[in-house]
PDB file of N, CA and C in Angstrom:
ATOM      1  N   UNK A   1     191.594 122.778 216.592  1.00  0.00           N
ATOM      2  CA  UNK A   1     191.863 121.579 217.373  1.00  0.00           C
ATOM      3  C   UNK A   1     191.093 120.431 216.741  1.00  0.00           C
ATOM      4  N   UNK A   2     191.772 119.345 216.429  1.00  0.00           N
ATOM      5  CA  UNK A   2     191.059 118.206 215.878  1.00  0.00           C
ATOM      6  C   UNK A   2     190.609 117.282 216.996  1.00  0.00           C
ATOM      7  N   UNK A   3     189.683 116.379 216.656  1.00  0.00           N
ATOM      8  CA  UNK A   3     189.085 115.522 217.679  1.00  0.00           C
ATOM      9  C   UNK A   3     190.096 114.618 218.369  1.00  0.00           C
ATOM     10  N   UNK A   4     191.080 114.147 217.640  1.00  0.00           N
ATOM     11  CA  UNK A   4     192.039 113.220 218.249  1.00  0.00           C
ATOM     12  C   UNK A   4     192.849 113.882 219.361  1.00  0.00           C
ATOM     13  N   UNK A   5     193.070 115.199 219.259  1.00  0.00           N
ATOM     14  CA  UNK A   5     193.796 115.902 220.319  1.00  0.00           C
ATOM     15  C   UNK A   5     192.997 115.897 221.617  1.00  0.00           C
ATOM     16  N   UNK A   6     191.708 116.094 221.512  1.00  0.00           N
ATOM     17  CA  UNK A   6     190.866 116.241 222.688  1.00  0.00           C
ATOM     18  C   UNK A   6     190.578 114.902 223.369  1.00  0.00           C
ATOM     19  N   UNK A   7     190.753 113.774 222.682  1.00  0.00           N
ATOM     20  CA  UNK A   7     190.436 112.483 223.294  1.00  0.00           C
ATOM     21  C   UNK A   7     191.451 112.089 224.353  1.00  0.00           C
ATOM     22  N   UNK A   8     192.614 112.724 224.366  1.00  0.00           N
ATOM     23  CA  UNK A   8     193.661 112.381 225.320  1.00  0.00           C
ATOM     24  C   UNK A   8     193.473 113.052 226.673  1.00  0.00           C
ATOM     25  N   UNK A   9     192.654 114.072 226.737  1.00  0.00           N
ATOM     26  CA  UNK A   9     192.443 114.772 227.996  1.00  0.00           C
ATOM     27  C   UNK A   9     191.069 114.418 228.560  1.00  0.00           C
ATOM     28  N   UNK A  10     190.963 114.491 229.868  1.00  0.00           N
ATOM     29  CA  UNK A  10     189.704 114.155 230.533  1.00  0.00           C
ATOM     30  C   UNK A  10     189.089 115.430 231.101  1.00  0.00           C
ATOM     31  N   UNK A  11     188.098 115.939 230.397  1.00  0.00           N
ATOM     32  CA  UNK A  11     187.397 117.144 230.836  1.00  0.00           C
ATOM     33  C   UNK A  11     186.220 116.709 231.704  1.00  0.00           C
ATOM     34  N   UNK A  12     186.116 117.221 232.930  1.00  0.00           N
ATOM     35  CA  UNK A  12     184.963 116.866 233.772  1.00  0.00           C
ATOM     36  C   UNK A  12     183.648 117.286 233.111  1.00  0.00           C
ATOM     37  N   UNK A  13     182.626 116.464 233.274  1.00  0.00           N
ATOM     38  CA  UNK A  13     181.288 116.792 232.793  1.00  0.00           C
ATOM     39  C   UNK A  13     180.853 118.111 233.437  1.00  0.00           C
ATOM     40  N   UNK A  14     180.237 118.986 232.642  1.00  0.00           N
ATOM     41  CA  UNK A  14     179.896 120.319 233.144  1.00  0.00           C
ATOM     42  C   UNK A  14     178.895 120.273 234.299  1.00  0.00           C
ATOM     43  N   UNK A  15     177.917 119.385 234.244  1.00  0.00           N
ATOM     44  CA  UNK A  15     176.938 119.290 235.341  1.00  0.00           C
ATOM     45  C   UNK A  15     177.609 118.808 236.625  1.00  0.00           C
ATOM     46  N   UNK A  16     178.487 117.831 236.499  1.00  0.00           N
ATOM     47  CA  UNK A  16     179.229 117.334 237.657  1.00  0.00           C
ATOM     48  C   UNK A  16     180.139 118.433 238.202  1.00  0.00           C
ATOM     49  N   UNK A  17     180.791 119.160 237.284  1.00  0.00           N
ATOM     50  CA  UNK A  17     181.691 120.246 237.687  1.00  0.00           C
ATOM     51  C   UNK A  17     180.925 121.359 238.408  1.00  0.00           C
ATOM     52  N   UNK A  18     179.724 121.694 237.926  1.00  0.00           N
ATOM     53  CA  UNK A  18     178.928 122.733 238.590  1.00  0.00           C
ATOM     54  C   UNK A  18     178.475 122.257 239.969  1.00  0.00           C
ATOM     55  N   UNK A  19     178.131 120.990 240.094  1.00  0.00           N
ATOM     56  CA  UNK A  19     177.754 120.442 241.401  1.00  0.00           C
ATOM     57  C   UNK A  19     178.939 120.518 242.359  1.00  0.00           C
ATOM     58  N   UNK A  20     180.116 120.167 241.860  1.00  0.00           N
ATOM     59  CA  UNK A  20     181.345 120.265 242.657  1.00  0.00           C
ATOM     60  C   UNK A  20     181.593 121.717 243.078  1.00  0.00           C
ATOM     61  N   UNK A  21     181.487 122.646 242.125  1.00  0.00           N
ATOM     62  CA  UNK A  21     181.690 124.063 242.426  1.00  0.00           C
ATOM     63  C   UNK A  21     180.701 124.534 243.497  1.00  0.00           C
ATOM     64  N   UNK A  22     179.425 124.206 243.331  1.00  0.00           N
ATOM     65  CA  UNK A  22     178.414 124.627 244.314  1.00  0.00           C
ATOM     66  C   UNK A  22     178.703 124.040 245.702  1.00  0.00           C
ATOM     67  N   UNK A  23     179.193 122.812 245.741  1.00  0.00           N
ATOM     68  CA  UNK A  23     179.494 122.194 247.042  1.00  0.00           C
ATOM     69  C   UNK A  23     180.617 122.935 247.753  1.00  0.00           C
ATOM     70  N   UNK A  24     181.533 123.509 246.985  1.00  0.00           N
ATOM     71  CA  UNK A  24     182.605 124.318 247.586  1.00  0.00           C
ATOM     72  C   UNK A  24     182.129 125.729 247.903  1.00  0.00           C
ATOM     73  N   UNK A  25     181.422 126.315 246.971  1.00  0.00           N
ATOM     74  CA  UNK A  25     180.976 127.702 247.127  1.00  0.00           C
ATOM     75  C   UNK A  25     179.991 127.840 248.279  1.00  0.00           C
ATOM     76  N   UNK A  26     179.047 126.940 248.352  1.00  0.00           N
ATOM     77  CA  UNK A  26     177.984 127.043 249.348  1.00  0.00           C
ATOM     78  C   UNK A  26     178.121 125.954 250.408  1.00  0.00           C
ATOM     79  N   UNK A  27     179.337 125.694 250.863  1.00  0.00           N
ATOM     80  CA  UNK A  27     179.611 124.614 251.803  1.00  0.00           C
ATOM     81  C   UNK A  27     178.752 124.706 253.079  1.00  0.00           C
ATOM     82  N   UNK A  28     178.431 125.917 253.502  1.00  0.00           N
ATOM     83  CA  UNK A  28     177.597 126.104 254.698  1.00  0.00           C
ATOM     84  C   UNK A  28     176.180 126.550 254.349  1.00  0.00           C
ATOM     85  N   UNK A  29     175.803 126.397 253.098  1.00  0.00           N
ATOM     86  CA  UNK A  29     174.490 126.839 252.627  1.00  0.00           C
ATOM     87  C   UNK A  29     174.611 128.123 251.833  1.00  0.00           C
ATOM     88  N   UNK A  30     173.632 128.390 250.997  1.00  0.00           N
ATOM     89  CA  UNK A  30     173.640 129.582 250.152  1.00  0.00           C
ATOM     90  C   UNK A  30     173.392 130.809 251.023  1.00  0.00           C
ATOM     91  N   UNK A  31     174.227 131.821 250.829  1.00  0.00           N
ATOM     92  CA  UNK A  31     174.086 133.075 251.575  1.00  0.00           C
ATOM     93  C   UNK A  31     174.286 134.249 250.622  1.00  0.00           C
ATOM     94  N   UNK A  32     173.800 135.387 251.012  1.00  0.00           N
ATOM     95  CA  UNK A  32     173.915 136.597 250.199  1.00  0.00           C
ATOM     96  C   UNK A  32     175.353 137.117 250.259  1.00  0.00           C
ATOM     97  N   UNK A  33     176.019 137.263 249.113  1.00  0.00           N
ATOM     98  CA  UNK A  33     177.388 137.786 249.122  1.00  0.00           C
ATOM     99  C   UNK A  33     177.475 139.238 249.616  1.00  0.00           C
ATOM    100  N   UNK A  34     176.366 139.975 249.528  1.00  0.00           N
ATOM    101  CA  UNK A  34     176.377 141.380 249.930  1.00  0.00           C
ATOM    102  C   UNK A  34     176.211 141.566 251.437  1.00  0.00           C
ATOM    103  N   UNK A  35     175.187 140.930 252.020  1.00  0.00           N
ATOM    104  CA  UNK A  35     174.919 141.158 253.455  1.00  0.00           C
ATOM    105  C   UNK A  35     175.189 139.921 254.319  1.00  0.00           C
ATOM    106  N   UNK A  36     175.565 138.813 253.681  1.00  0.00           N
ATOM    107  CA  UNK A  36     175.909 137.546 254.367  1.00  0.00           C
ATOM    108  C   UNK A  36     174.715 136.841 255.000  1.00  0.00           C
ATOM    109  N   UNK A  37     173.491 137.250 254.658  1.00  0.00           N
ATOM    110  CA  UNK A  37     172.284 136.630 255.195  1.00  0.00           C
ATOM    111  C   UNK A  37     172.024 135.284 254.519  1.00  0.00           C
ATOM    112  N   UNK A  38     171.502 134.338 255.291  1.00  0.00           N
ATOM    113  CA  UNK A  38     171.086 133.052 254.746  1.00  0.00           C
ATOM    114  C   UNK A  38     169.595 133.060 254.404  1.00  0.00           C
ATOM    115  N   UNK A  39     168.963 134.200 254.557  1.00  0.00           N
ATOM    116  CA  UNK A  39     167.535 134.366 254.295  1.00  0.00           C
ATOM    117  C   UNK A  39     167.345 134.662 252.803  1.00  0.00           C
ATOM    118  N   UNK A  40     167.472 133.614 251.972  1.00  0.00           N
ATOM    119  CA  UNK A  40     167.447 133.795 250.523  1.00  0.00           C
ATOM    120  C   UNK A  40     166.333 132.968 249.878  1.00  0.00           C
ATOM    121  N   UNK A  41     166.027 133.318 248.649  1.00  0.00           N
ATOM    122  CA  UNK A  41     165.046 132.607 247.840  1.00  0.00           C
ATOM    123  C   UNK A  41     165.742 132.125 246.580  1.00  0.00           C
ATOM    124  N   UNK A  42     165.545 130.859 246.237  1.00  0.00           N
ATOM    125  CA  UNK A  42     166.078 130.308 244.995  1.00  0.00           C
ATOM    126  C   UNK A  42     165.148 130.741 243.864  1.00  0.00           C
ATOM    127  N   UNK A  43     165.688 131.466 242.887  1.00  0.00           N
ATOM    128  CA  UNK A  43     164.884 131.984 241.786  1.00  0.00           C
ATOM    129  C   UNK A  43     165.005 131.138 240.521  1.00  0.00           C
ATOM    130  N   UNK A  44     165.521 129.929 240.661  1.00  0.00           N
ATOM    131  CA  UNK A  44     165.622 129.039 239.513  1.00  0.00           C
ATOM    132  C   UNK A  44     166.980 129.103 238.848  1.00  0.00           C
ATOM    133  N   UNK A  45     167.062 128.430 237.739  1.00  0.00           N
ATOM    134  CA  UNK A  45     168.338 128.323 237.043  1.00  0.00           C
ATOM    135  C   UNK A  45     168.268 129.078 235.725  1.00  0.00           C
ATOM    136  N   UNK A  46     169.370 129.741 235.390  1.00  0.00           N
ATOM    137  CA  UNK A  46     169.496 130.420 234.111  1.00  0.00           C
ATOM    138  C   UNK A  46     170.798 129.936 233.484  1.00  0.00           C
ATOM    139  N   UNK A  47     170.695 129.127 232.470  1.00  0.00           N
ATOM    140  CA  UNK A  47     171.895 128.523 231.902  1.00  0.00           C
ATOM    141  C   UNK A  47     172.486 127.557 232.906  1.00  0.00           C
ATOM    142  N   UNK A  48     173.756 127.744 233.191  1.00  0.00           N
ATOM    143  CA  UNK A  48     174.425 126.820 234.115  1.00  0.00           C
ATOM    144  C   UNK A  48     174.396 127.273 235.567  1.00  0.00           C
ATOM    145  N   UNK A  49     173.926 128.485 235.846  1.00  0.00           N
ATOM    146  CA  UNK A  49     173.950 128.995 237.221  1.00  0.00           C
ATOM    147  C   UNK A  49     172.550 129.087 237.821  1.00  0.00           C
ATOM    148  N   UNK A  50     172.520 128.934 239.122  1.00  0.00           N
ATOM    149  CA  UNK A  50     171.280 129.156 239.862  1.00  0.00           C
ATOM    150  C   UNK A  50     171.242 130.618 240.290  1.00  0.00           C
ATOM    151  N   UNK A  51     170.036 131.166 240.274  1.00  0.00           N
ATOM    152  CA  UNK A  51     169.855 132.564 240.672  1.00  0.00           C
ATOM    153  C   UNK A  51     169.148 132.615 242.018  1.00  0.00           C
ATOM    154  N   UNK A  52     169.473 133.671 242.795  1.00  0.00           N
ATOM    155  CA  UNK A  52     168.926 133.814 244.139  1.00  0.00           C
ATOM    156  C   UNK A  52     168.575 135.272 244.406  1.00  0.00           C
ATOM    157  N   UNK A  53     167.689 135.481 245.374  1.00  0.00           N
ATOM    158  CA  UNK A  53     167.375 136.816 245.887  1.00  0.00           C
ATOM    159  C   UNK A  53     167.487 136.780 247.397  1.00  0.00           C
ATOM    160  N   UNK A  54     168.010 137.861 247.944  1.00  0.00           N
ATOM    161  CA  UNK A  54     168.116 137.978 249.389  1.00  0.00           C
ATOM    162  C   UNK A  54     166.853 138.653 249.925  1.00  0.00           C
ATOM    163  N   UNK A  55     166.218 138.031 250.894  1.00  0.00           N
ATOM    164  CA  UNK A  55     165.014 138.613 251.492  1.00  0.00           C
ATOM    165  C   UNK A  55     165.343 139.801 252.378  1.00  0.00           C
ATOM    166  N   UNK A  56     166.574 139.874 252.886  1.00  0.00           N
ATOM    167  CA  UNK A  56     166.939 140.955 253.800  1.00  0.00           C
ATOM    168  C   UNK A  56     167.363 142.229 253.064  1.00  0.00           C
ATOM    169  N   UNK A  57     168.336 142.118 252.166  1.00  0.00           N
ATOM    170  CA  UNK A  57     168.839 143.332 251.489  1.00  0.00           C
ATOM    171  C   UNK A  57     168.299 143.490 250.073  1.00  0.00           C
ATOM    172  N   UNK A  58     167.493 142.540 249.637  1.00  0.00           N
ATOM    173  CA  UNK A  58     166.830 142.576 248.325  1.00  0.00           C
ATOM    174  C   UNK A  58     167.773 142.466 247.127  1.00  0.00           C
ATOM    175  N   UNK A  59     169.022 142.072 247.346  1.00  0.00           N
ATOM    176  CA  UNK A  59     169.944 141.935 246.216  1.00  0.00           C
ATOM    177  C   UNK A  59     169.707 140.614 245.489  1.00  0.00           C
ATOM    178  N   UNK A  60     170.062 140.601 244.221  1.00  0.00           N
ATOM    179  CA  UNK A  60     169.995 139.398 243.400  1.00  0.00           C
ATOM    180  C   UNK A  60     171.418 138.940 243.121  1.00  0.00           C
ATOM    181  N   UNK A  61     171.626 137.635 243.107  1.00  0.00           N
ATOM    182  CA  UNK A  61     172.959 137.104 242.849  1.00  0.00           C
ATOM    183  C   UNK A  61     172.827 135.703 242.270  1.00  0.00           C
ATOM    184  N   UNK A  62     173.951 135.147 241.835  1.00  0.00           N
ATOM    185  CA  UNK A  62     173.951 133.785 241.323  1.00  0.00           C
ATOM    186  C   UNK A  62     175.156 133.034 241.872  1.00  0.00           C
ATOM    187  N   UNK A  63     175.331 131.794 241.432  1.00  0.00           N
ATOM    188  CA  UNK A  63     176.416 130.957 241.943  1.00  0.00           C
ATOM    189  C   UNK A  63     177.787 131.601 241.762  1.00  0.00           C
ATOM    190  N   UNK A  64     177.973 132.392 240.719  1.00  0.00           N
ATOM    191  CA  UNK A  64     179.281 132.963 240.405  1.00  0.00           C
ATOM    192  C   UNK A  64     179.514 134.365 240.966  1.00  0.00           C
ATOM    193  N   UNK A  65     178.499 135.011 241.488  1.00  0.00           N
ATOM    194  CA  UNK A  65     178.645 136.374 241.999  1.00  0.00           C
ATOM    195  C   UNK A  65     179.757 136.441 243.044  1.00  0.00           C
ATOM    196  N   UNK A  66     180.695 137.356 242.836  1.00  0.00           N
ATOM    197  CA  UNK A  66     181.782 137.553 243.779  1.00  0.00           C
ATOM    198  C   UNK A  66     182.906 136.535 243.676  1.00  0.00           C
ATOM    199  N   UNK A  67     182.909 135.713 242.625  1.00  0.00           N
ATOM    200  CA  UNK A  67     183.971 134.722 242.449  1.00  0.00           C
ATOM    201  C   UNK A  67     184.805 135.059 241.212  1.00  0.00           C
ATOM    202  N   UNK A  68     185.892 134.340 241.027  1.00  0.00           N
ATOM    203  CA  UNK A  68     186.723 134.562 239.847  1.00  0.00           C
ATOM    204  C   UNK A  68     186.032 134.081 238.573  1.00  0.00           C
ATOM    205  N   UNK A  69     184.920 133.399 238.701  1.00  0.00           N
ATOM    206  CA  UNK A  69     184.207 132.861 237.550  1.00  0.00           C
ATOM    207  C   UNK A  69     183.062 133.756 237.076  1.00  0.00           C
ATOM    208  N   UNK A  70     182.836 134.890 237.736  1.00  0.00           N
ATOM    209  CA  UNK A  70     181.630 135.670 237.479  1.00  0.00           C
ATOM    210  C   UNK A  70     181.492 136.194 236.057  1.00  0.00           C
ATOM    211  N   UNK A  71     182.568 136.390 235.322  1.00  0.00           N
ATOM    212  CA  UNK A  71     182.462 136.882 233.948  1.00  0.00           C
ATOM    213  C   UNK A  71     182.836 135.820 232.917  1.00  0.00           C
ATOM    214  N   UNK A  72     183.161 134.643 233.370  1.00  0.00           N
ATOM    215  CA  UNK A  72     183.653 133.615 232.465  1.00  0.00           C
ATOM    216  C   UNK A  72     182.520 132.928 231.708  1.00  0.00           C
ATOM    217  N   UNK A  73     182.777 132.676 230.438  1.00  0.00           N
ATOM    218  CA  UNK A  73     181.834 131.915 229.622  1.00  0.00           C
ATOM    219  C   UNK A  73     182.368 130.507 229.341  1.00  0.00           C
ATOM    220  N   UNK A  74     183.519 130.207 229.914  1.00  0.00           N
ATOM    221  CA  UNK A  74     184.111 128.884 229.738  1.00  0.00           C
ATOM    222  C   UNK A  74     183.304 127.885 230.571  1.00  0.00           C
ATOM    223  N   UNK A  75     182.929 126.746 230.003  1.00  0.00           N
ATOM    224  CA  UNK A  75     182.193 125.743 230.786  1.00  0.00           C
ATOM    225  C   UNK A  75     182.973 125.355 232.050  1.00  0.00           C
ATOM    226  N   UNK A  76     182.258 125.110 233.124  1.00  0.00           N
ATOM    227  CA  UNK A  76     182.908 124.820 234.407  1.00  0.00           C
ATOM    228  C   UNK A  76     183.802 123.586 234.337  1.00  0.00           C
ATOM    229  N   UNK A  77     183.408 122.567 233.605  1.00  0.00           N
ATOM    230  CA  UNK A  77     184.257 121.382 233.463  1.00  0.00           C
ATOM    231  C   UNK A  77     185.603 121.740 232.851  1.00  0.00           C
ATOM    232  N   UNK A  78     185.576 122.561 231.813  1.00  0.00           N
ATOM    233  CA  UNK A  78     186.808 122.997 231.163  1.00  0.00           C
ATOM    234  C   UNK A  78     187.612 123.895 232.097  1.00  0.00           C
ATOM    235  N   UNK A  79     186.924 124.768 232.825  1.00  0.00           N
ATOM    236  CA  UNK A  79     187.604 125.663 233.772  1.00  0.00           C
ATOM    237  C   UNK A  79     188.339 124.847 234.841  1.00  0.00           C
ATOM    238  N   UNK A  80     187.679 123.833 235.374  1.00  0.00           N
ATOM    239  CA  UNK A  80     188.323 122.997 236.390  1.00  0.00           C
ATOM    240  C   UNK A  80     189.514 122.252 235.800  1.00  0.00           C
ATOM    241  N   UNK A  81     189.368 121.760 234.573  1.00  0.00           N
ATOM    242  CA  UNK A  81     190.496 121.083 233.926  1.00  0.00           C
ATOM    243  C   UNK A  81     191.695 122.028 233.824  1.00  0.00           C
ATOM    244  N   UNK A  82     191.442 123.237 233.379  1.00  0.00           N
ATOM    245  CA  UNK A  82     192.524 124.230 233.235  1.00  0.00           C
ATOM    246  C   UNK A  82     193.155 124.524 234.593  1.00  0.00           C
ATOM    247  N   UNK A  83     192.321 124.806 235.593  1.00  0.00           N
ATOM    248  CA  UNK A  83     192.848 125.165 236.910  1.00  0.00           C
ATOM    249  C   UNK A  83     193.584 124.011 237.577  1.00  0.00           C
ATOM    250  N   UNK A  84     193.094 122.779 237.400  1.00  0.00           N
ATOM    251  CA  UNK A  84     193.767 121.620 238.008  1.00  0.00           C
ATOM    252  C   UNK A  84     195.076 121.277 237.313  1.00  0.00           C
ATOM    253  N   UNK A  85     195.272 121.760 236.092  1.00  0.00           N
ATOM    254  CA  UNK A  85     196.475 121.445 235.327  1.00  0.00           C
ATOM    255  C   UNK A  85     197.391 122.640 235.100  1.00  0.00           C
ATOM    256  N   UNK A  86     197.045 123.780 235.628  1.00  0.00           N
ATOM    257  CA  UNK A  86     197.773 125.025 235.346  1.00  0.00           C
ATOM    258  C   UNK A  86     199.225 124.976 235.808  1.00  0.00           C
ATOM    259  N   UNK A  87     199.528 124.218 236.835  1.00  0.00           N
ATOM    260  CA  UNK A  87     200.901 124.138 237.333  1.00  0.00           C
ATOM    261  C   UNK A  87     201.693 122.982 236.733  1.00  0.00           C
ATOM    262  N   UNK A  88     201.005 122.047 236.077  1.00  0.00           N
ATOM    263  CA  UNK A  88     201.675 120.874 235.515  1.00  0.00           C
ATOM    264  C   UNK A  88     201.918 120.984 234.009  1.00  0.00           C
ATOM    265  N   UNK A  89     201.212 121.898 233.357  1.00  0.00           N
ATOM    266  CA  UNK A  89     201.327 122.048 231.913  1.00  0.00           C
ATOM    267  C   UNK A  89     201.608 123.507 231.573  1.00  0.00           C
ATOM    268  N   UNK A  90     202.177 123.717 230.410  1.00  0.00           N
ATOM    269  CA  UNK A  90     202.450 125.089 229.974  1.00  0.00           C
ATOM    270  C   UNK A  90     201.162 125.718 229.463  1.00  0.00           C
ATOM    271  N   UNK A  91     201.183 127.031 229.385  1.00  0.00           N
ATOM    272  CA  UNK A  91     200.035 127.763 228.837  1.00  0.00           C
ATOM    273  C   UNK A  91     199.789 127.324 227.396  1.00  0.00           C
ATOM    274  N   UNK A  92     200.863 127.108 226.653  1.00  0.00           N
ATOM    275  CA  UNK A  92     200.732 126.660 225.265  1.00  0.00           C
ATOM    276  C   UNK A  92     200.079 125.281 225.202  1.00  0.00           C
ATOM    277  N   UNK A  93     200.503 124.358 226.058  1.00  0.00           N
ATOM    278  CA  UNK A  93     199.903 123.014 226.080  1.00  0.00           C
ATOM    279  C   UNK A  93     198.405 123.094 226.371  1.00  0.00           C
ATOM    280  N   UNK A  94     198.040 123.860 227.395  1.00  0.00           N
ATOM    281  CA  UNK A  94     196.631 123.988 227.757  1.00  0.00           C
ATOM    282  C   UNK A  94     195.837 124.645 226.641  1.00  0.00           C
ATOM    283  N   UNK A  95     196.423 125.618 225.984  1.00  0.00           N
ATOM    284  CA  UNK A  95     195.767 126.279 224.865  1.00  0.00           C
ATOM    285  C   UNK A  95     195.500 125.288 223.737  1.00  0.00           C
ATOM    286  N   UNK A  96     196.489 124.486 223.419  1.00  0.00           N
ATOM    287  CA  UNK A  96     196.335 123.497 222.350  1.00  0.00           C
ATOM    288  C   UNK A  96     195.330 122.415 222.721  1.00  0.00           C
ATOM    289  N   UNK A  97     195.343 121.984 223.972  1.00  0.00           N
ATOM    290  CA  UNK A  97     194.424 120.934 224.417  1.00  0.00           C
ATOM    291  C   UNK A  97     192.973 121.399 224.463  1.00  0.00           C
ATOM    292  N   UNK A  98     192.761 122.623 224.896  1.00  0.00           N
ATOM    293  CA  UNK A  98     191.402 123.096 225.146  1.00  0.00           C
ATOM    294  C   UNK A  98     190.808 123.880 223.985  1.00  0.00           C
ATOM    295  N   UNK A  99     191.659 124.428 223.144  1.00  0.00           N
ATOM    296  CA  UNK A  99     191.161 125.257 222.053  1.00  0.00           C
ATOM    297  C   UNK A  99     190.974 126.719 222.445  1.00  0.00           C
ATOM    298  N   UNK A 100     191.309 127.064 223.671  1.00  0.00           N
ATOM    299  CA  UNK A 100     191.242 128.461 224.107  1.00  0.00           C
ATOM    300  C   UNK A 100     192.590 129.124 223.848  1.00  0.00           C
ATOM    301  N   UNK A 101     192.573 130.425 223.630  1.00  0.00           N
ATOM    302  CA  UNK A 101     193.797 131.148 223.284  1.00  0.00           C
ATOM    303  C   UNK A 101     194.798 131.137 224.437  1.00  0.00           C
ATOM    304  N   UNK A 102     196.057 131.327 224.094  1.00  0.00           N
ATOM    305  CA  UNK A 102     197.096 131.437 225.115  1.00  0.00           C
ATOM    306  C   UNK A 102     196.786 132.609 226.038  1.00  0.00           C
ATOM    307  N   UNK A 103     196.272 133.692 225.464  1.00  0.00           N
ATOM    308  CA  UNK A 103     195.917 134.875 226.247  1.00  0.00           C
ATOM    309  C   UNK A 103     194.844 134.538 227.287  1.00  0.00           C
ATOM    310  N   UNK A 104     193.845 133.761 226.885  1.00  0.00           N
ATOM    311  CA  UNK A 104     192.768 133.355 227.798  1.00  0.00           C
ATOM    312  C   UNK A 104     193.320 132.488 228.930  1.00  0.00           C
ATOM    313  N   UNK A 105     194.142 131.508 228.585  1.00  0.00           N
ATOM    314  CA  UNK A 105     194.724 130.612 229.597  1.00  0.00           C
ATOM    315  C   UNK A 105     195.627 131.404 230.546  1.00  0.00           C
ATOM    316  N   UNK A 106     196.418 132.308 229.987  1.00  0.00           N
ATOM    317  CA  UNK A 106     197.310 133.139 230.803  1.00  0.00           C
ATOM    318  C   UNK A 106     196.512 134.017 231.765  1.00  0.00           C
ATOM    319  N   UNK A 107     195.423 134.596 231.276  1.00  0.00           N
ATOM    320  CA  UNK A 107     194.569 135.447 232.121  1.00  0.00           C
ATOM    321  C   UNK A 107     193.993 134.627 233.267  1.00  0.00           C
ATOM    322  N   UNK A 108     193.540 133.409 232.976  1.00  0.00           N
ATOM    323  CA  UNK A 108     193.009 132.533 234.023  1.00  0.00           C
ATOM    324  C   UNK A 108     194.069 132.191 235.054  1.00  0.00           C
ATOM    325  N   UNK A 109     195.269 131.908 234.585  1.00  0.00           N
ATOM    326  CA  UNK A 109     196.364 131.568 235.502  1.00  0.00           C
ATOM    327  C   UNK A 109     196.659 132.727 236.445  1.00  0.00           C
ATOM    328  N   UNK A 110     196.772 133.928 235.886  1.00  0.00           N
ATOM    329  CA  UNK A 110     197.066 135.098 236.724  1.00  0.00           C
ATOM    330  C   UNK A 110     195.919 135.405 237.678  1.00  0.00           C
ATOM    331  N   UNK A 111     194.693 135.268 237.213  1.00  0.00           N
ATOM    332  CA  UNK A 111     193.529 135.501 238.062  1.00  0.00           C
ATOM    333  C   UNK A 111     193.484 134.484 239.195  1.00  0.00           C
ATOM    334  N   UNK A 112     193.713 133.226 238.871  1.00  0.00           N
ATOM    335  CA  UNK A 112     193.730 132.157 239.869  1.00  0.00           C
ATOM    336  C   UNK A 112     194.812 132.404 240.919  1.00  0.00           C
ATOM    337  N   UNK A 113     196.008 132.751 240.460  1.00  0.00           N
ATOM    338  CA  UNK A 113     197.106 133.014 241.394  1.00  0.00           C
ATOM    339  C   UNK A 113     196.812 134.222 242.278  1.00  0.00           C
ATOM    340  N   UNK A 114     196.303 135.282 241.686  1.00  0.00           N
ATOM    341  CA  UNK A 114     196.036 136.525 242.429  1.00  0.00           C
ATOM    342  C   UNK A 114     194.905 136.349 243.449  1.00  0.00           C
ATOM    343  N   UNK A 115     193.821 135.751 243.025  1.00  0.00           N
ATOM    344  CA  UNK A 115     192.638 135.662 243.882  1.00  0.00           C
ATOM    345  C   UNK A 115     192.671 134.507 244.876  1.00  0.00           C
ATOM    346  N   UNK A 116     193.378 133.427 244.550  1.00  0.00           N
ATOM    347  CA  UNK A 116     193.372 132.266 245.438  1.00  0.00           C
ATOM    348  C   UNK A 116     194.737 131.971 246.040  1.00  0.00           C
ATOM    349  N   UNK A 117     195.703 131.692 245.212  1.00  0.00           N
ATOM    350  CA  UNK A 117     196.992 131.236 245.719  1.00  0.00           C
ATOM    351  C   UNK A 117     197.751 132.290 246.500  1.00  0.00           C
ATOM    352  N   UNK A 118     197.665 133.537 246.091  1.00  0.00           N
ATOM    353  CA  UNK A 118     198.400 134.606 246.763  1.00  0.00           C
ATOM    354  C   UNK A 118     197.520 135.482 247.642  1.00  0.00           C
ATOM    355  N   UNK A 119     196.358 134.971 248.022  1.00  0.00           N
ATOM    356  CA  UNK A 119     195.401 135.743 248.801  1.00  0.00           C
ATOM    357  C   UNK A 119     195.352 135.190 250.228  1.00  0.00           C
ATOM    358  N   UNK A 120     195.929 135.952 251.169  1.00  0.00           N
ATOM    359  CA  UNK A 120     195.981 135.497 252.557  1.00  0.00           C
ATOM    360  C   UNK A 120     194.596 135.298 253.168  1.00  0.00           C
ATOM    361  N   UNK A 121     193.600 136.093 252.728  1.00  0.00           N
ATOM    362  CA  UNK A 121     192.251 135.945 253.253  1.00  0.00           C
ATOM    363  C   UNK A 121     191.674 134.575 252.935  1.00  0.00           C
ATOM    364  N   UNK A 122     192.064 134.001 251.821  1.00  0.00           N
ATOM    365  CA  UNK A 122     191.562 132.697 251.392  1.00  0.00           C
ATOM    366  C   UNK A 122     191.960 131.599 252.374  1.00  0.00           C
ATOM    367  N   UNK A 123     193.085 131.765 253.035  1.00  0.00           N
ATOM    368  CA  UNK A 123     193.599 130.729 253.926  1.00  0.00           C
ATOM    369  C   UNK A 123     193.308 130.965 255.394  1.00  0.00           C
ATOM    370  N   UNK A 124     192.588 132.016 255.727  1.00  0.00           N
ATOM    371  CA  UNK A 124     192.238 132.293 257.127  1.00  0.00           C
ATOM    372  C   UNK A 124     191.179 131.358 257.629  1.00  0.00           C
TER     373      UNK A 124
END
């Protein structure tokens, strides 16, 4: 991908994107994904994610634990760009714009559809 291709798209800043993600993920405050307790300790940041420990069940988790992003190494700004454009652009277009493989974009699309769009629990 050359630089001129990337200047046409607007990728959200990764720090802003992570703040946006955290505001959605922890809308009611940070809680333990395992036992649902709000009795947690912030253990600092490692890379782009914050780490936490639950005082009740002693589990450790981070911002991505239990989400579709938990194994992704794609920057959050790029991930949001892909997800916000997945229905308006082809997999090939997104692949060319972002520099990620068609296989990667396709996997994200299917994961997004399976876990969010087609998940009745998400809309309860």
